Amino acid sequence: MALSREERAAKWRAGEYVSYLSDVPTMLRIKGDTIETSMGAEFPVAHAKHGVAAVRAVLASGTPYQSNGHTIHLGVYTLDKIDTDGTVHAGCHHVPLSEVERIAAELGL
C-alpha cells in the first residue's frame, strides 16, 4: 500500500528518503550543518540563518525583497525574492513562511 502525502512528509522530516516530494509544499530539514530541502537542494545552516533574518525583515517592514544586485546566498543558490507574506522563492523552490519559522525554531532563532 502506498503511503499518504502526510506519511511521506513525516518520514522525510524524520530523515528518511522517500523520493521526490512534488505534491507537498517545499519542506526543510536539518542534516548536520546543512539544510536540506524536500526537492533535494542543500545549503549551509549559516546561510539559512541569514535567510530567516531576511524573511523577518520583510515581515517587519511590509516591503518585499527582490534580488537586484544585493544577493542573499543559500549555498550555491540565490534567494530570488521574499513576498510580504514571508514566502521565500529560490529557483524552483517556494517555501512558505510556516516552514521558514518551523526550521528557525529548530535552529533556536
PDB file of N, CA and C in Angstrom:
ATOM      1  N   MET A   1       0.833  -1.182   0.000  1.00  0.00           N
ATOM      2  CA  MET A   1       0.000   0.000   0.000  1.00  0.00           C
ATOM      3  C   MET A   1       0.878   1.246   0.000  1.00  0.00           C
ATOM      4  N   ALA A   2       0.538   2.193  -0.838  1.00  0.00           N
ATOM      5  CA  ALA A   2       1.302   3.436  -0.941  1.00  0.00           C
ATOM      6  C   ALA A   2       1.052   4.320   0.273  1.00  0.00           C
ATOM      7  N   LEU A   3       2.076   5.052   0.656  1.00  0.00           N
ATOM      8  CA  LEU A   3       1.959   5.974   1.781  1.00  0.00           C
ATOM      9  C   LEU A   3       1.210   7.228   1.352  1.00  0.00           C
ATOM     10  N   SER A   4       0.480   7.818   2.283  1.00  0.00           N
ATOM     11  CA  SER A   4      -0.198   9.087   2.012  1.00  0.00           C
ATOM     12  C   SER A   4       0.832  10.209   1.950  1.00  0.00           C
ATOM     13  N   ARG A   5       0.421  11.327   1.442  1.00  0.00           N
ATOM     14  CA  ARG A   5       1.286  12.508   1.378  1.00  0.00           C
ATOM     15  C   ARG A   5       1.784  12.869   2.773  1.00  0.00           C
ATOM     16  N   GLU A   6       0.892  12.849   3.753  1.00  0.00           N
ATOM     17  CA  GLU A   6       1.261  13.205   5.127  1.00  0.00           C
ATOM     18  C   GLU A   6       2.264  12.208   5.706  1.00  0.00           C
ATOM     19  N   GLU A   7       2.080  10.919   5.413  1.00  0.00           N
ATOM     20  CA  GLU A   7       3.012   9.892   5.908  1.00  0.00           C
ATOM     21  C   GLU A   7       4.390  10.059   5.265  1.00  0.00           C
ATOM     22  N   ARG A   8       4.407  10.332   3.963  1.00  0.00           N
ATOM     23  CA  ARG A   8       5.692  10.540   3.289  1.00  0.00           C
ATOM     24  C   ARG A   8       6.393  11.781   3.829  1.00  0.00           C
ATOM     25  N   ALA A   9       5.636  12.857   4.069  1.00  0.00           N
ATOM     26  CA  ALA A   9       6.219  14.084   4.610  1.00  0.00           C
ATOM     27  C   ALA A   9       6.799  13.836   6.001  1.00  0.00           C
ATOM     28  N   ALA A  10       6.079  13.106   6.842  1.00  0.00           N
ATOM     29  CA  ALA A  10       6.561  12.801   8.198  1.00  0.00           C
ATOM     30  C   ALA A  10       7.835  11.963   8.145  1.00  0.00           C
ATOM     31  N   LYS A  11       7.872  10.984   7.268  1.00  0.00           N
ATOM     32  CA  LYS A  11       9.070  10.150   7.137  1.00  0.00           C
ATOM     33  C   LYS A  11      10.247  10.986   6.643  1.00  0.00           C
ATOM     34  N   TRP A  12       9.988  11.859   5.677  1.00  0.00           N
ATOM     35  CA  TRP A  12      11.065  12.703   5.169  1.00  0.00           C
ATOM     36  C   TRP A  12      11.598  13.611   6.284  1.00  0.00           C
ATOM     37  N   ARG A  13      10.706  14.230   7.044  1.00  0.00           N
ATOM     38  CA  ARG A  13      11.133  15.100   8.150  1.00  0.00           C
ATOM     39  C   ARG A  13      11.961  14.334   9.177  1.00  0.00           C
ATOM     40  N   ALA A  14      11.666  13.037   9.327  1.00  0.00           N
ATOM     41  CA  ALA A  14      12.394  12.206  10.284  1.00  0.00           C
ATOM     42  C   ALA A  14      13.749  11.749   9.745  1.00  0.00           C
ATOM     43  N   GLY A  15      14.077  12.156   8.522  1.00  0.00           N
ATOM     44  CA  GLY A  15      15.393  11.836   7.979  1.00  0.00           C
ATOM     45  C   GLY A  15      15.416  10.709   6.978  1.00  0.00           C
ATOM     46  N   GLU A  16      14.275  10.139   6.680  1.00  0.00           N
ATOM     47  CA  GLU A  16      14.220   9.035   5.734  1.00  0.00           C
ATOM     48  C   GLU A  16      14.183   9.548   4.301  1.00  0.00           C
ATOM     49  N   TYR A  17      14.615   8.707   3.382  1.00  0.00           N
ATOM     50  CA  TYR A  17      14.500   9.016   1.965  1.00  0.00           C
ATOM     51  C   TYR A  17      13.171   8.449   1.483  1.00  0.00           C
ATOM     52  N   VAL A  18      12.322   9.293   0.941  1.00  0.00           N
ATOM     53  CA  VAL A  18      11.006   8.842   0.471  1.00  0.00           C
ATOM     54  C   VAL A  18      10.747   9.282  -0.964  1.00  0.00           C
ATOM     55  N   SER A  19      11.791   9.539  -1.713  1.00  0.00           N
ATOM     56  CA  SER A  19      11.748  10.004  -3.092  1.00  0.00           C
ATOM     57  C   SER A  19      11.342  11.467  -3.155  1.00  0.00           C
ATOM     58  N   TYR A  20      11.217  11.938  -4.345  1.00  0.00           N
ATOM     59  CA  TYR A  20      10.896  13.348  -4.602  1.00  0.00           C
ATOM     60  C   TYR A  20       9.480  13.652  -4.131  1.00  0.00           C
ATOM     61  N   LEU A  21       9.323  14.704  -3.348  1.00  0.00           N
ATOM     62  CA  LEU A  21       8.023  15.072  -2.787  1.00  0.00           C
ATOM     63  C   LEU A  21       7.455  16.265  -3.555  1.00  0.00           C
ATOM     64  N   SER A  22       6.941  16.015  -4.734  1.00  0.00           N
ATOM     65  CA  SER A  22       6.468  17.107  -5.575  1.00  0.00           C
ATOM     66  C   SER A  22       5.045  17.550  -5.245  1.00  0.00           C
ATOM     67  N   ASP A  23       4.340  16.767  -4.449  1.00  0.00           N
ATOM     68  CA  ASP A  23       2.930  17.082  -4.183  1.00  0.00           C
ATOM     69  C   ASP A  23       2.706  17.721  -2.816  1.00  0.00           C
ATOM     70  N   VAL A  24       3.773  18.227  -2.215  1.00  0.00           N
ATOM     71  CA  VAL A  24       3.671  18.940  -0.937  1.00  0.00           C
ATOM     72  C   VAL A  24       4.461  20.243  -1.062  1.00  0.00           C
ATOM     73  N   PRO A  25       4.114  21.267  -0.276  1.00  0.00           N
ATOM     74  CA  PRO A  25       4.930  22.480  -0.289  1.00  0.00           C
ATOM     75  C   PRO A  25       6.373  22.147   0.104  1.00  0.00           C
ATOM     76  N   THR A  26       7.319  22.916  -0.375  1.00  0.00           N
ATOM     77  CA  THR A  26       8.728  22.659  -0.082  1.00  0.00           C
ATOM     78  C   THR A  26       8.961  22.630   1.420  1.00  0.00           C
ATOM     79  N   MET A  27       9.596  21.554   1.863  1.00  0.00           N
ATOM     80  CA  MET A  27       9.902  21.375   3.284  1.00  0.00           C
ATOM     81  C   MET A  27      11.407  21.503   3.488  1.00  0.00           C
ATOM     82  N   LEU A  28      11.799  21.793   4.724  1.00  0.00           N
ATOM     83  CA  LEU A  28      13.199  21.937   5.103  1.00  0.00           C
ATOM     84  C   LEU A  28      13.496  21.021   6.275  1.00  0.00           C
ATOM     85  N   ARG A  29      14.734  20.497   6.304  1.00  0.00           N
ATOM     86  CA  ARG A  29      15.174  19.724   7.476  1.00  0.00           C
ATOM     87  C   ARG A  29      16.658  19.959   7.687  1.00  0.00           C
ATOM     88  N   ILE A  30      17.074  19.786   8.931  1.00  0.00           N
ATOM     89  CA  ILE A  30      18.473  19.946   9.299  1.00  0.00           C
ATOM     90  C   ILE A  30      19.151  18.596   9.159  1.00  0.00           C
ATOM     91  N   LYS A  31      20.295  18.618   8.492  1.00  0.00           N
ATOM     92  CA  LYS A  31      21.091  17.411   8.282  1.00  0.00           C
ATOM     93  C   LYS A  31      22.529  17.793   8.612  1.00  0.00           C
ATOM     94  N   GLY A  32      22.907  17.632   9.891  1.00  0.00           N
ATOM     95  CA  GLY A  32      24.231  18.080  10.330  1.00  0.00           C
ATOM     96  C   GLY A  32      24.301  19.590  10.324  1.00  0.00           C
ATOM     97  N   ASP A  33      25.277  20.136   9.581  1.00  0.00           N
ATOM     98  CA  ASP A  33      25.408  21.593   9.493  1.00  0.00           C
ATOM     99  C   ASP A  33      24.845  22.119   8.171  1.00  0.00           C
ATOM    100  N   THR A  34      23.901  21.352   7.634  1.00  0.00           N
ATOM    101  CA  THR A  34      23.298  21.666   6.345  1.00  0.00           C
ATOM    102  C   THR A  34      21.785  21.676   6.470  1.00  0.00           C
ATOM    103  N   ILE A  35      21.148  22.513   5.666  1.00  0.00           N
ATOM    104  CA  ILE A  35      19.701  22.468   5.499  1.00  0.00           C
ATOM    105  C   ILE A  35      19.444  21.735   4.190  1.00  0.00           C
ATOM    106  N   GLU A  36      18.535  20.793   4.210  1.00  0.00           N
ATOM    107  CA  GLU A  36      18.165  20.052   3.013  1.00  0.00           C
ATOM    108  C   GLU A  36      16.707  20.356   2.695  1.00  0.00           C
ATOM    109  N   THR A  37      16.413  20.557   1.413  1.00  0.00           N
ATOM    110  CA  THR A  37      15.029  20.784   1.013  1.00  0.00           C
ATOM    111  C   THR A  37      14.419  19.472   0.535  1.00  0.00           C
ATOM    112  N   SER A  38      13.109  19.411   0.556  1.00  0.00           N
ATOM    113  CA  SER A  38      12.413  18.212   0.090  1.00  0.00           C
ATOM    114  C   SER A  38      12.546  18.036  -1.423  1.00  0.00           C
ATOM    115  N   MET A  39      13.143  19.016  -2.080  1.00  0.00           N
ATOM    116  CA  MET A  39      13.386  18.921  -3.517  1.00  0.00           C
ATOM    117  C   MET A  39      14.836  18.552  -3.811  1.00  0.00           C
ATOM    118  N   GLY A  40      15.611  18.275  -2.769  1.00  0.00           N
ATOM    119  CA  GLY A  40      16.968  17.765  -2.943  1.00  0.00           C
ATOM    120  C   GLY A  40      18.090  18.775  -2.891  1.00  0.00           C
ATOM    121  N   ALA A  41      17.808  20.044  -2.702  1.00  0.00           N
ATOM    122  CA  ALA A  41      18.864  21.052  -2.600  1.00  0.00           C
ATOM    123  C   ALA A  41      19.404  21.085  -1.175  1.00  0.00           C
ATOM    124  N   GLU A  42      20.660  21.507  -1.036  1.00  0.00           N
ATOM    125  CA  GLU A  42      21.281  21.637   0.283  1.00  0.00           C
ATOM    126  C   GLU A  42      22.040  22.956   0.348  1.00  0.00           C
ATOM    127  N   PHE A  43      22.071  23.541   1.565  1.00  0.00           N
ATOM    128  CA  PHE A  43      22.843  24.756   1.786  1.00  0.00           C
ATOM    129  C   PHE A  43      23.209  24.838   3.263  1.00  0.00           C
ATOM    130  N   PRO A  44      24.267  25.588   3.593  1.00  0.00           N
ATOM    131  CA  PRO A  44      24.744  25.650   4.977  1.00  0.00           C
ATOM    132  C   PRO A  44      23.725  26.269   5.940  1.00  0.00           C
ATOM    133  N   VAL A  45      23.720  25.760   7.159  1.00  0.00           N
ATOM    134  CA  VAL A  45      22.872  26.316   8.217  1.00  0.00           C
ATOM    135  C   VAL A  45      23.152  27.804   8.391  1.00  0.00           C
ATOM    136  N   ALA A  46      24.416  28.209   8.299  1.00  0.00           N
ATOM    137  CA  ALA A  46      24.764  29.629   8.460  1.00  0.00           C
ATOM    138  C   ALA A  46      24.030  30.489   7.439  1.00  0.00           C
ATOM    139  N   HIS A  47      23.870  29.987   6.224  1.00  0.00           N
ATOM    140  CA  HIS A  47      23.146  30.735   5.198  1.00  0.00           C
ATOM    141  C   HIS A  47      21.654  30.767   5.525  1.00  0.00           C
ATOM    142  N   ALA A  48      21.146  29.686   6.092  1.00  0.00           N
ATOM    143  CA  ALA A  48      19.734  29.645   6.483  1.00  0.00           C
ATOM    144  C   ALA A  48      19.444  30.723   7.520  1.00  0.00           C
ATOM    145  N   LYS A  49      20.364  30.939   8.432  1.00  0.00           N
ATOM    146  CA  LYS A  49      20.175  31.960   9.459  1.00  0.00           C
ATOM    147  C   LYS A  49      20.041  33.343   8.834  1.00  0.00           C
ATOM    148  N   HIS A  50      20.839  33.630   7.800  1.00  0.00           N
ATOM    149  CA  HIS A  50      20.721  34.907   7.090  1.00  0.00           C
ATOM    150  C   HIS A  50      19.384  34.990   6.357  1.00  0.00           C
ATOM    151  N   GLY A  51      18.962  33.871   5.796  1.00  0.00           N
ATOM    152  CA  GLY A  51      17.677  33.830   5.105  1.00  0.00           C
ATOM    153  C   GLY A  51      16.517  34.096   6.040  1.00  0.00           C
ATOM    154  N   VAL A  52      16.551  33.492   7.221  1.00  0.00           N
ATOM    155  CA  VAL A  52      15.495  33.719   8.215  1.00  0.00           C
ATOM    156  C   VAL A  52      15.467  35.192   8.618  1.00  0.00           C
ATOM    157  N   ALA A  53      16.637  35.774   8.829  1.00  0.00           N
ATOM    158  CA  ALA A  53      16.695  37.201   9.188  1.00  0.00           C
ATOM    159  C   ALA A  53      16.094  38.058   8.077  1.00  0.00           C
ATOM    160  N   ALA A  54      16.364  37.706   6.833  1.00  0.00           N
ATOM    161  CA  ALA A  54      15.813  38.465   5.703  1.00  0.00           C
ATOM    162  C   ALA A  54      14.292  38.344   5.651  1.00  0.00           C
ATOM    163  N   VAL A  55      13.771  37.147   5.895  1.00  0.00           N
ATOM    164  CA  VAL A  55      12.321  36.948   5.905  1.00  0.00           C
ATOM    165  C   VAL A  55      11.694  37.794   7.005  1.00  0.00           C
ATOM    166  N   ARG A  56      12.287  37.777   8.180  1.00  0.00           N
ATOM    167  CA  ARG A  56      11.734  38.549   9.294  1.00  0.00           C
ATOM    168  C   ARG A  56      11.807  40.047   9.025  1.00  0.00           C
ATOM    169  N   ALA A  57      12.844  40.500   8.318  1.00  0.00           N
ATOM    170  CA  ALA A  57      12.946  41.918   7.964  1.00  0.00           C
ATOM    171  C   ALA A  57      11.831  42.313   6.996  1.00  0.00           C
ATOM    172  N   VAL A  58      11.527  41.439   6.043  1.00  0.00           N
ATOM    173  CA  VAL A  58      10.431  41.701   5.105  1.00  0.00           C
ATOM    174  C   VAL A  58       9.109  41.767   5.856  1.00  0.00           C
ATOM    175  N   LEU A  59       8.887  40.824   6.757  1.00  0.00           N
ATOM    176  CA  LEU A  59       7.642  40.818   7.525  1.00  0.00           C
ATOM    177  C   LEU A  59       7.498  42.087   8.358  1.00  0.00           C
ATOM    178  N   ALA A  60       8.605  42.539   8.961  1.00  0.00           N
ATOM    179  CA  ALA A  60       8.564  43.734   9.811  1.00  0.00           C
ATOM    180  C   ALA A  60       8.331  45.001   8.997  1.00  0.00           C
ATOM    181  N   SER A  61       8.915  45.053   7.809  1.00  0.00           N
ATOM    182  CA  SER A  61       8.816  46.273   7.004  1.00  0.00           C
ATOM    183  C   SER A  61       7.595  46.295   6.087  1.00  0.00           C
ATOM    184  N   GLY A  62       7.098  45.113   5.741  1.00  0.00           N
ATOM    185  CA  GLY A  62       5.996  45.042   4.791  1.00  0.00           C
ATOM    186  C   GLY A  62       6.427  45.302   3.360  1.00  0.00           C
ATOM    187  N   THR A  63       7.737  45.342   3.139  1.00  0.00           N
ATOM    188  CA  THR A  63       8.282  45.575   1.806  1.00  0.00           C
ATOM    189  C   THR A  63       8.905  44.283   1.295  1.00  0.00           C
ATOM    190  N   PRO A  64       8.468  43.804   0.137  1.00  0.00           N
ATOM    191  CA  PRO A  64       9.036  42.552  -0.374  1.00  0.00           C
ATOM    192  C   PRO A  64      10.503  42.720  -0.751  1.00  0.00           C
ATOM    193  N   TYR A  65      11.229  41.612  -0.739  1.00  0.00           N
ATOM    194  CA  TYR A  65      12.627  41.596  -1.173  1.00  0.00           C
ATOM    195  C   TYR A  65      12.674  41.017  -2.574  1.00  0.00           C
ATOM    196  N   GLN A  66      13.405  41.670  -3.448  1.00  0.00           N
ATOM    197  CA  GLN A  66      13.658  41.174  -4.793  1.00  0.00           C
ATOM    198  C   GLN A  66      15.155  41.319  -5.042  1.00  0.00           C
ATOM    199  N   SER A  67      15.797  40.230  -5.412  1.00  0.00           N
ATOM    200  CA  SER A  67      17.229  40.285  -5.703  1.00  0.00           C
ATOM    201  C   SER A  67      17.477  41.272  -6.848  1.00  0.00           C
ATOM    202  N   ASN A  68      18.368  42.233  -6.603  1.00  0.00           N
ATOM    203  CA  ASN A  68      18.641  43.242  -7.629  1.00  0.00           C
ATOM    204  C   ASN A  68      20.058  43.786  -7.484  1.00  0.00           C
ATOM    205  N   GLY A  69      20.991  42.911  -7.373  1.00  0.00           N
ATOM    206  CA  GLY A  69      22.380  43.342  -7.180  1.00  0.00           C
ATOM    207  C   GLY A  69      22.884  42.966  -5.803  1.00  0.00           C
ATOM    208  N   HIS A  70      22.030  43.051  -4.801  1.00  0.00           N
ATOM    209  CA  HIS A  70      22.360  42.569  -3.461  1.00  0.00           C
ATOM    210  C   HIS A  70      21.829  41.148  -3.380  1.00  0.00           C
ATOM    211  N   THR A  71      22.726  40.181  -3.290  1.00  0.00           N
ATOM    212  CA  THR A  71      22.320  38.786  -3.351  1.00  0.00           C
ATOM    213  C   THR A  71      22.430  38.118  -1.999  1.00  0.00           C
ATOM    214  N   ILE A  72      21.398  37.400  -1.634  1.00  0.00           N
ATOM    215  CA  ILE A  72      21.423  36.550  -0.449  1.00  0.00           C
ATOM    216  C   ILE A  72      21.687  35.137  -0.938  1.00  0.00           C
ATOM    217  N   HIS A  73      22.807  34.570  -0.521  1.00  0.00           N
ATOM    218  CA  HIS A  73      23.185  33.232  -0.971  1.00  0.00           C
ATOM    219  C   HIS A  73      22.672  32.167  -0.025  1.00  0.00           C
ATOM    220  N   LEU A  74      22.232  31.084  -0.605  1.00  0.00           N
ATOM    221  CA  LEU A  74      21.862  29.869   0.116  1.00  0.00           C
ATOM    222  C   LEU A  74      22.713  28.765  -0.500  1.00  0.00           C
ATOM    223  N   GLY A  75      23.947  28.649  -0.018  1.00  0.00           N
ATOM    224  CA  GLY A  75      24.889  27.737  -0.650  1.00  0.00           C
ATOM    225  C   GLY A  75      25.187  28.230  -2.051  1.00  0.00           C
ATOM    226  N   VAL A  76      25.075  27.344  -3.044  1.00  0.00           N
ATOM    227  CA  VAL A  76      25.319  27.730  -4.433  1.00  0.00           C
ATOM    228  C   VAL A  76      24.101  28.390  -5.062  1.00  0.00           C
ATOM    229  N   TYR A  77      23.014  28.457  -4.314  1.00  0.00           N
ATOM    230  CA  TYR A  77      21.763  29.033  -4.808  1.00  0.00           C
ATOM    231  C   TYR A  77      21.635  30.476  -4.337  1.00  0.00           C
ATOM    232  N   THR A  78      20.740  31.213  -4.971  1.00  0.00           N
ATOM    233  CA  THR A  78      20.462  32.573  -4.527  1.00  0.00           C
ATOM    234  C   THR A  78      18.979  32.700  -4.205  1.00  0.00           C
ATOM    235  N   LEU A  79      18.706  33.546  -3.245  1.00  0.00           N
ATOM    236  CA  LEU A  79      17.337  33.827  -2.865  1.00  0.00           C
ATOM    237  C   LEU A  79      16.817  34.872  -3.847  1.00  0.00           C
ATOM    238  N   ASP A  80      15.818  34.504  -4.631  1.00  0.00           N
ATOM    239  CA  ASP A  80      15.309  35.396  -5.671  1.00  0.00           C
ATOM    240  C   ASP A  80      14.399  36.481  -5.122  1.00  0.00           C
ATOM    241  N   LYS A  81      13.450  36.074  -4.262  1.00  0.00           N
ATOM    242  CA  LYS A  81      12.552  37.073  -3.686  1.00  0.00           C
ATOM    243  C   LYS A  81      11.895  36.518  -2.431  1.00  0.00           C
ATOM    244  N   ILE A  82      11.406  37.461  -1.630  1.00  0.00           N
ATOM    245  CA  ILE A  82      10.624  37.140  -0.440  1.00  0.00           C
ATOM    246  C   ILE A  82       9.360  37.975  -0.534  1.00  0.00           C
ATOM    247  N   ASP A  83       8.225  37.312  -0.538  1.00  0.00           N
ATOM    248  CA  ASP A  83       6.940  38.004  -0.588  1.00  0.00           C
ATOM    249  C   ASP A  83       6.615  38.602   0.780  1.00  0.00           C
ATOM    250  N   THR A  84       5.695  39.560   0.798  1.00  0.00           N
ATOM    251  CA  THR A  84       5.316  40.191   2.065  1.00  0.00           C
ATOM    252  C   THR A  84       4.626  39.217   3.017  1.00  0.00           C
ATOM    253  N   ASP A  85       4.164  38.065   2.522  1.00  0.00           N
ATOM    254  CA  ASP A  85       3.595  37.049   3.413  1.00  0.00           C
ATOM    255  C   ASP A  85       4.662  36.092   3.937  1.00  0.00           C
ATOM    256  N   GLY A  86       5.943  36.348   3.580  1.00  0.00           N
ATOM    257  CA  GLY A  86       7.053  35.539   4.071  1.00  0.00           C
ATOM    258  C   GLY A  86       7.414  34.361   3.197  1.00  0.00           C
ATOM    259  N   THR A  87       6.740  34.171   2.072  1.00  0.00           N
ATOM    260  CA  THR A  87       7.085  33.076   1.172  1.00  0.00           C
ATOM    261  C   THR A  87       8.427  33.367   0.519  1.00  0.00           C
ATOM    262  N   VAL A  88       9.323  32.388   0.570  1.00  0.00           N
ATOM    263  CA  VAL A  88      10.662  32.513   0.004  1.00  0.00           C
ATOM    264  C   VAL A  88      10.695  31.826  -1.357  1.00  0.00           C
ATOM    265  N   HIS A  89      11.281  32.514  -2.330  1.00  0.00           N
ATOM    266  CA  HIS A  89      11.439  31.964  -3.678  1.00  0.00           C
ATOM    267  C   HIS A  89      12.934  31.896  -3.978  1.00  0.00           C
ATOM    268  N   ALA A  90      13.399  30.701  -4.281  1.00  0.00           N
ATOM    269  CA  ALA A  90      14.798  30.492  -4.668  1.00  0.00           C
ATOM    270  C   ALA A  90      14.788  29.449  -5.778  1.00  0.00           C
ATOM    271  N   GLY A  91      14.964  29.907  -6.996  1.00  0.00           N
ATOM    272  CA  GLY A  91      14.868  28.995  -8.133  1.00  0.00           C
ATOM    273  C   GLY A  91      13.478  28.396  -8.194  1.00  0.00           C
ATOM    274  N   CYS A  92      13.407  27.067  -8.271  1.00  0.00           N
ATOM    275  CA  CYS A  92      12.103  26.387  -8.351  1.00  0.00           C
ATOM    276  C   CYS A  92      11.491  26.129  -6.975  1.00  0.00           C
ATOM    277  N   HIS A  93      12.181  26.552  -5.930  1.00  0.00           N
ATOM    278  CA  HIS A  93      11.684  26.362  -4.569  1.00  0.00           C
ATOM    279  C   HIS A  93      10.794  27.529  -4.153  1.00  0.00           C
ATOM    280  N   HIS A  94       9.672  27.195  -3.551  1.00  0.00           N
ATOM    281  CA  HIS A  94       8.762  28.180  -2.965  1.00  0.00           C
ATOM    282  C   HIS A  94       8.460  27.681  -1.560  1.00  0.00           C
ATOM    283  N   VAL A  95       9.072  28.320  -0.567  1.00  0.00           N
ATOM    284  CA  VAL A  95       8.987  27.855   0.816  1.00  0.00           C
ATOM    285  C   VAL A  95       8.048  28.768   1.587  1.00  0.00           C
ATOM    286  N   PRO A  96       6.960  28.206   2.134  1.00  0.00           N
ATOM    287  CA  PRO A  96       6.010  29.036   2.877  1.00  0.00           C
ATOM    288  C   PRO A  96       6.592  29.497   4.217  1.00  0.00           C
ATOM    289  N   LEU A  97       6.063  30.602   4.715  1.00  0.00           N
ATOM    290  CA  LEU A  97       6.516  31.148   5.992  1.00  0.00           C
ATOM    291  C   LEU A  97       6.438  30.116   7.106  1.00  0.00           C
ATOM    292  N   SER A  98       5.396  29.305   7.134  1.00  0.00           N
ATOM    293  CA  SER A  98       5.269  28.308   8.201  1.00  0.00           C
ATOM    294  C   SER A  98       6.480  27.384   8.247  1.00  0.00           C
ATOM    295  N   GLU A  99       7.032  27.051   7.089  1.00  0.00           N
ATOM    296  CA  GLU A  99       8.208  26.171   7.043  1.00  0.00           C
ATOM    297  C   GLU A  99       9.470  26.925   7.450  1.00  0.00           C
ATOM    298  N   VAL A 100       9.572  28.184   7.060  1.00  0.00           N
ATOM    299  CA  VAL A 100      10.710  29.008   7.475  1.00  0.00           C
ATOM    300  C   VAL A 100      10.726  29.129   8.997  1.00  0.00           C
ATOM    301  N   GLU A 101       9.571  29.427   9.590  1.00  0.00           N
ATOM    302  CA  GLU A 101       9.513  29.582  11.048  1.00  0.00           C
ATOM    303  C   GLU A 101       9.720  28.254  11.773  1.00  0.00           C
ATOM    304  N   ARG A 102       9.273  27.149  11.175  1.00  0.00           N
ATOM    305  CA  ARG A 102       9.486  25.841  11.793  1.00  0.00           C
ATOM    306  C   ARG A 102      10.982  25.519  11.864  1.00  0.00           C
ATOM    307  N   ILE A 103      11.692  25.753  10.773  1.00  0.00           N
ATOM    308  CA  ILE A 103      13.127  25.452  10.774  1.00  0.00           C
ATOM    309  C   ILE A 103      13.884  26.476  11.642  1.00  0.00           C
ATOM    310  N   ALA A 104      13.404  27.724  11.683  1.00  0.00           N
ATOM    311  CA  ALA A 104      14.015  28.729  12.550  1.00  0.00           C
ATOM    312  C   ALA A 104      13.929  28.295  14.005  1.00  0.00           C
ATOM    313  N   ALA A 105      12.791  27.757  14.401  1.00  0.00           N
ATOM    314  CA  ALA A 105      12.622  27.267  15.784  1.00  0.00           C
ATOM    315  C   ALA A 105      13.581  26.124  16.065  1.00  0.00           C
ATOM    316  N   GLU A 106      13.748  25.220  15.110  1.00  0.00           N
ATOM    317  CA  GLU A 106      14.669  24.108  15.300  1.00  0.00           C
ATOM    318  C   GLU A 106      16.107  24.600  15.430  1.00  0.00           C
ATOM    319  N   LEU A 107      16.403  25.722  14.778  1.00  0.00           N
ATOM    320  CA  LEU A 107      17.751  26.308  14.850  1.00  0.00           C
ATOM    321  C   LEU A 107      17.917  27.230  16.066  1.00  0.00           C
ATOM    322  N   GLY A 108      16.851  27.407  16.834  1.00  0.00           N
ATOM    323  CA  GLY A 108      16.907  28.258  18.018  1.00  0.00           C
ATOM    324  C   GLY A 108      16.911  29.738  17.694  1.00  0.00           C
ATOM    325  N   LEU A 109      16.319  30.107  16.573  1.00  0.00           N
ATOM    326  CA  LEU A 109      16.286  31.522  16.168  1.00  0.00           C
ATOM    327  C   LEU A 109      14.981  32.188  16.565  1.00  0.00           C
TER     328      LEU A 109
END
